[in-house]
Amino acid sequence: MGKVQSSEELMKYINEMNSDNSVVQFSIPGKGKFTLVLQEEDEQSIKSDVEKNPQLERMFKESEEQYKKGLGISTADLLKSFSEKDFM
């Protein structure tokens, strides 16, 4: 298990992930232990799930609307919000 000391180091872990290296375990001092799992996108699967479940489609639309209104943040913005003190 690796110890992540910065957001750049976390991004390095993420960038190195692929289908053969799809699980990464790491710890952030002061935050805890994390397991990151890469799940390859399967657009057809998501589309068929939405078609089968109208509530899921509604949830996707609501989520998109909330993001457009600024009520959510992207992963990149989340990573930018970390400072060095978060890793000490």
Protein backbone atom coordinates (compact mmCIF):
# COMPACT_ATOMS: atom_id res chain seq x y z
CA MET A 1 0.00 0.00 0.00
CA GLY A 2 1.44 3.31 -1.07
CA LYS A 3 1.39 6.49 0.94
CA VAL A 4 0.19 9.50 -1.06
CA GLN A 5 1.88 12.75 -0.07
CA SER A 6 0.39 15.10 -2.70
CA SER A 7 -2.41 15.47 -5.21
CA GLU A 8 0.19 15.12 -7.99
CA GLU A 9 1.20 11.74 -6.60
CA LEU A 10 -2.45 10.65 -6.49
CA MET A 11 -2.90 11.68 -10.13
CA LYS A 12 0.19 9.61 -11.01
CA TYR A 13 -1.47 6.54 -9.46
CA ILE A 14 -4.65 7.21 -11.44
CA ASN A 15 -2.81 7.83 -14.73
CA GLU A 16 -0.94 4.53 -14.39
CA MET A 17 -4.14 2.52 -14.00
CA ASN A 18 -5.30 0.27 -16.84
CA SER A 19 -7.15 -3.03 -17.30
CA ASP A 20 -4.14 -4.98 -15.97
CA ASN A 21 -3.52 -2.57 -13.09
CA SER A 22 -7.10 -1.74 -12.11
CA VAL A 23 -6.92 -1.66 -8.29
CA VAL A 24 -4.73 0.67 -6.24
CA GLN A 25 -4.63 0.83 -2.47
CA PHE A 26 -3.08 3.86 -0.81
CA SER A 27 -3.25 5.91 2.35
CA ILE A 28 -3.35 9.63 2.90
CA PRO A 29 -1.89 10.57 6.27
CA GLY A 30 -4.56 12.14 8.43
CA LYS A 31 -7.36 10.95 6.12
CA GLY A 32 -7.19 7.15 6.03
CA LYS A 33 -6.84 4.20 3.69
CA PHE A 34 -8.38 4.14 0.22
CA THR A 35 -8.97 1.53 -2.48
CA LEU A 36 -9.36 2.91 -5.99
CA VAL A 37 -10.92 0.61 -8.60
CA LEU A 38 -10.85 1.35 -12.32
CA GLN A 39 -14.05 0.29 -14.03
CA GLU A 40 -13.89 0.56 -17.79
CA GLU A 41 -16.67 2.55 -19.35
CA ASP A 42 -19.29 0.60 -21.20
CA GLU A 43 -21.61 3.18 -22.71
CA GLN A 44 -23.95 0.52 -24.07
CA SER A 45 -24.38 -0.92 -20.58
CA ILE A 46 -25.25 2.47 -19.09
CA LYS A 47 -27.67 3.22 -21.92
CA SER A 48 -29.44 -0.11 -21.50
CA ASP A 49 -29.62 0.35 -17.71
CA VAL A 50 -31.21 3.78 -18.17
CA GLU A 51 -33.70 2.40 -20.67
CA LYS A 52 -34.69 -0.33 -18.19
CA ASN A 53 -35.00 2.03 -15.24
CA PRO A 54 -36.76 5.40 -15.71
CA GLN A 55 -35.77 6.44 -12.19
CA LEU A 56 -32.10 6.05 -13.10
CA GLU A 57 -32.60 8.29 -16.12
CA ARG A 58 -34.23 10.91 -13.89
CA MET A 59 -31.30 10.69 -11.46
CA PHE A 60 -28.78 11.24 -14.29
CA LYS A 61 -30.72 14.28 -15.53
CA GLU A 62 -31.03 15.76 -12.03
CA SER A 63 -27.34 15.24 -11.40
CA GLU A 64 -26.43 16.93 -14.68
CA GLU A 65 -28.72 19.88 -13.90
CA GLN A 66 -27.21 20.28 -10.43
CA TYR A 67 -23.69 20.21 -11.86
CA LYS A 68 -24.60 22.87 -14.43
CA LYS A 69 -25.96 25.04 -11.59
CA GLY A 70 -22.63 24.73 -9.79
CA LEU A 71 -23.93 22.42 -7.08
CA GLY A 72 -21.24 19.79 -7.66
CA ILE A 73 -17.55 19.58 -8.43
CA SER A 74 -15.46 17.60 -10.85
CA THR A 75 -12.77 15.15 -9.79
CA ALA A 76 -10.15 17.62 -11.05
CA ASP A 77 -11.64 20.36 -8.86
CA LEU A 78 -11.72 17.99 -5.88
CA LEU A 79 -8.03 17.23 -6.35
CA LYS A 80 -7.24 20.94 -6.67
CA SER A 81 -8.97 21.56 -3.33
CA PHE A 82 -6.38 19.44 -1.48
CA SER A 83 -3.46 21.28 0.06
CA GLU A 84 -0.17 20.02 1.47
CA LYS A 85 -1.57 20.10 5.01
CA ASP A 86 -4.21 17.53 3.97
CA PHE A 87 -1.37 15.06 3.40
CA MET A 88 0.47 15.60 6.69
